[in-house]
Amino acid sequence: MRLAVAKITKPHGIKGEVRASVLLDSPELFCRIKNAYLEDIKCKISARKAGDAVILSIQGVMNRDDAELLRGKIIYVDRTEAEGLKENEYFIDDLVGLRVFVGEKEIGSISEIYKGGRTADVIEIKGKGVTIMLPFLKKLQMQADLAAKTVTFEEKAFSEVAVYED
């Protein structure tokens, strides 16, 4: 299984480099990756931090025209090559699709997690006729059970930060 780790946003310079937004907790983690997949093509990469993003060199991409064709493409790594997680840390790909409970009540499922950059990531939950957005905060006391495909949030904190959209 592969994990999405970055999304190419635009070319950078004239030598085939690209700028990418990182789908990991930090650009530093991404900079350690040496082998990745661009779509289904395995390639060697090197990256350097550029604020909350990275500047990425991809094997075989030699000029700006080549780099322009990569705009919007996702970079993946094999799950076996991904860094180990600490307790209560999860890969975004593992959380998307989980059924969401607030206390004992099921309210929907996680449809997307948006990287917040310098702010908290945002969780999008789709329920029956409603979309709920909430910042990914420790105070939510999220408990994920990947085997049961569920995630539970603490009720009081959830009611304080959840934003409902019709």
Protein backbone atom coordinates (compact mmCIF):
# COMPACT_ATOMS: atom_id res chain seq x y z
CA MET A 1 0.00 0.00 0.00
CA ARG A 2 1.22 3.50 -0.80
CA LEU A 3 0.77 6.68 1.18
CA ALA A 4 0.34 10.16 -0.29
CA VAL A 5 3.14 12.39 1.04
CA ALA A 6 3.09 15.52 -1.16
CA LYS A 7 1.21 17.33 -3.91
CA ILE A 8 3.10 19.17 -6.63
CA THR A 9 1.87 22.75 -6.82
CA LYS A 10 4.04 24.39 -9.51
CA PRO A 11 7.40 24.41 -11.29
CA HIS A 12 10.33 26.05 -9.53
CA GLY A 13 13.03 27.64 -11.67
CA ILE A 14 14.22 26.38 -15.06
CA LYS A 15 16.05 23.16 -14.13
CA GLY A 16 13.01 20.91 -13.68
CA GLU A 17 12.48 21.39 -9.96
CA VAL A 18 8.95 21.62 -8.55
CA ARG A 19 7.40 23.10 -5.44
CA ALA A 20 5.21 20.70 -3.47
CA SER A 21 2.93 21.01 -0.48
CA VAL A 22 3.75 18.36 2.08
CA LEU A 23 1.06 16.00 3.38
CA LEU A 24 3.15 15.04 6.41
CA ASP A 25 3.53 16.74 9.78
CA SER A 26 6.63 18.59 8.62
CA PRO A 27 8.70 19.26 5.52
CA GLU A 28 11.73 17.83 7.36
CA LEU A 29 10.14 14.36 7.33
CA PHE A 30 9.63 14.61 3.59
CA CYS A 31 13.22 15.68 2.98
CA ARG A 32 14.42 12.26 4.21
CA ILE A 33 12.58 10.41 1.44
CA LYS A 34 14.81 9.21 -1.40
CA ASN A 35 12.51 6.81 -3.32
CA ALA A 36 8.94 7.68 -4.22
CA TYR A 37 6.22 7.17 -6.79
CA LEU A 38 4.92 9.82 -9.14
CA GLU A 39 1.57 8.30 -9.99
CA ASP A 40 2.68 4.68 -10.70
CA ILE A 41 6.26 5.46 -11.75
CA LYS A 42 9.00 4.77 -9.20
CA CYS A 43 11.61 7.51 -9.12
CA LYS A 44 14.51 8.87 -7.10
CA ILE A 45 13.88 12.24 -5.49
CA SER A 46 15.69 14.83 -3.40
CA ALA A 47 14.06 17.68 -1.54
CA ARG A 48 14.89 20.75 0.47
CA LYS A 49 12.65 22.66 2.82
CA ALA A 50 11.04 25.90 1.57
CA GLY A 51 8.86 27.22 4.41
CA ASP A 52 5.93 24.84 4.86
CA ALA A 53 6.60 23.30 1.44
CA VAL A 54 9.52 21.59 -0.29
CA ILE A 55 11.48 22.16 -3.49
CA LEU A 56 11.75 18.79 -5.15
CA SER A 57 14.10 17.34 -7.77
CA ILE A 58 12.69 14.28 -9.50
CA GLN A 59 14.81 11.86 -11.52
CA GLY A 60 14.21 12.44 -15.25
CA VAL A 61 12.58 15.87 -14.93
CA MET A 62 15.15 18.11 -16.58
CA ASN A 63 13.47 21.42 -17.46
CA ARG A 64 10.58 23.74 -16.64
CA ASP A 65 8.38 22.33 -19.43
CA ASP A 66 8.70 18.83 -17.94
CA ALA A 67 7.99 20.22 -14.47
CA GLU A 68 4.89 22.08 -15.67
CA LEU A 69 3.32 18.75 -16.69
CA LEU A 70 3.54 17.58 -13.07
CA ARG A 71 1.38 20.34 -11.60
CA GLY A 72 -1.27 18.80 -9.32
CA LYS A 73 0.31 15.32 -9.28
CA ILE A 74 0.62 13.40 -6.01
CA ILE A 75 3.87 11.91 -4.68
CA TYR A 76 3.51 8.56 -2.88
CA VAL A 77 5.81 6.31 -0.85
CA ASP A 78 5.50 2.64 -0.01
CA ARG A 79 3.97 2.22 3.42
CA THR A 80 6.92 0.00 4.39
CA GLU A 81 9.30 2.93 3.79
CA ALA A 82 7.26 5.41 5.84
CA GLU A 83 8.61 6.56 9.18
CA GLY A 84 7.25 4.84 12.28
CA LEU A 85 4.42 6.55 14.12
CA LYS A 86 4.27 7.42 17.79
CA GLU A 87 1.30 6.60 20.02
CA ASN A 88 -1.89 8.40 18.87
CA GLU A 89 -0.33 9.37 15.52
CA TYR A 90 -1.98 8.21 12.31
CA PHE A 91 -1.46 8.40 8.58
CA ILE A 92 -4.11 10.60 6.96
CA ASP A 93 -4.88 7.79 4.52
CA ASP A 94 -5.79 5.55 7.49
CA LEU A 95 -8.28 8.07 8.91
CA VAL A 96 -10.16 8.99 5.75
CA GLY A 97 -13.27 6.82 5.51
CA LEU A 98 -13.51 6.01 9.23
CA ARG A 99 -16.97 6.26 10.82
CA VAL A 100 -17.14 9.16 13.29
CA PHE A 101 -18.73 9.06 16.72
CA VAL A 102 -19.23 11.91 19.15
CA GLY A 103 -19.61 10.12 22.42
CA GLU A 104 -21.95 7.22 21.56
CA LYS A 105 -23.67 8.88 18.55
CA GLU A 106 -22.50 8.16 14.98
CA ILE A 107 -22.51 11.38 12.94
CA GLY A 108 -20.90 10.42 9.62
CA SER A 109 -17.47 9.55 8.24
CA ILE A 110 -14.21 11.39 7.62
CA SER A 111 -14.22 12.42 3.97
CA GLU A 112 -11.06 14.55 3.88
CA ILE A 113 -8.31 15.98 6.04
CA TYR A 114 -6.89 19.29 4.89
CA LYS A 115 -3.34 20.27 5.83
CA GLY A 116 -3.40 23.50 7.79
CA GLY A 117 0.17 24.58 7.16
CA ARG A 118 0.96 26.81 10.12
CA THR A 119 -2.45 26.22 11.70
CA ALA A 120 -4.24 23.03 12.72
CA ASP A 121 -5.23 20.49 10.10
CA VAL A 122 -8.96 20.46 9.35
CA ILE A 123 -11.10 17.33 9.40
CA GLU A 124 -14.11 17.19 7.06
CA ILE A 125 -16.92 14.87 8.14
CA LYS A 126 -19.80 14.03 5.80
CA GLY A 127 -23.03 13.02 7.51
CA LYS A 128 -26.64 12.68 6.43
CA GLY A 129 -27.25 15.97 4.63
CA VAL A 130 -24.55 17.84 6.52
CA THR A 131 -20.84 18.55 6.31
CA ILE A 132 -18.94 19.21 9.52
CA MET A 133 -15.53 20.87 9.63
CA LEU A 134 -13.35 20.89 12.71
CA PRO A 135 -9.74 21.66 13.53
CA PHE A 136 -7.57 18.68 14.46
CA LEU A 137 -6.95 19.65 18.11
CA LYS A 138 -5.67 17.63 21.08
CA LYS A 139 -8.59 18.81 23.18
CA LEU A 140 -10.93 16.73 20.99
CA GLN A 141 -9.37 13.65 22.63
CA MET A 142 -9.69 11.67 19.41
CA GLN A 143 -9.63 7.91 19.84
CA ALA A 144 -9.13 5.99 16.59
CA ASP A 145 -9.75 2.27 16.27
CA LEU A 146 -8.35 1.35 12.86
CA ALA A 147 -9.45 -2.29 13.17
CA ALA A 148 -13.07 -1.26 13.84
CA LYS A 149 -12.78 1.61 11.31
CA THR A 150 -14.08 4.14 13.82
CA VAL A 151 -12.96 7.37 15.44
CA THR A 152 -14.53 8.91 18.54
CA PHE A 153 -14.36 12.52 19.74
CA GLU A 154 -15.08 13.94 23.19
CA GLU A 155 -18.57 15.53 23.11
CA LYS A 156 -17.96 18.85 24.89
CA ALA A 157 -14.83 19.75 22.95
CA PHE A 158 -16.45 18.67 19.67
CA SER A 159 -19.45 20.97 20.27
CA GLU A 160 -17.09 23.88 20.96
CA VAL A 161 -15.10 23.66 17.71
CA ALA A 162 -17.31 21.94 15.10
CA VAL A 163 -18.64 24.06 12.24
CA TYR A 164 -21.74 22.70 10.46
CA GLU A 165 -22.44 23.36 6.79
CA ASP A 166 -25.69 22.38 5.05
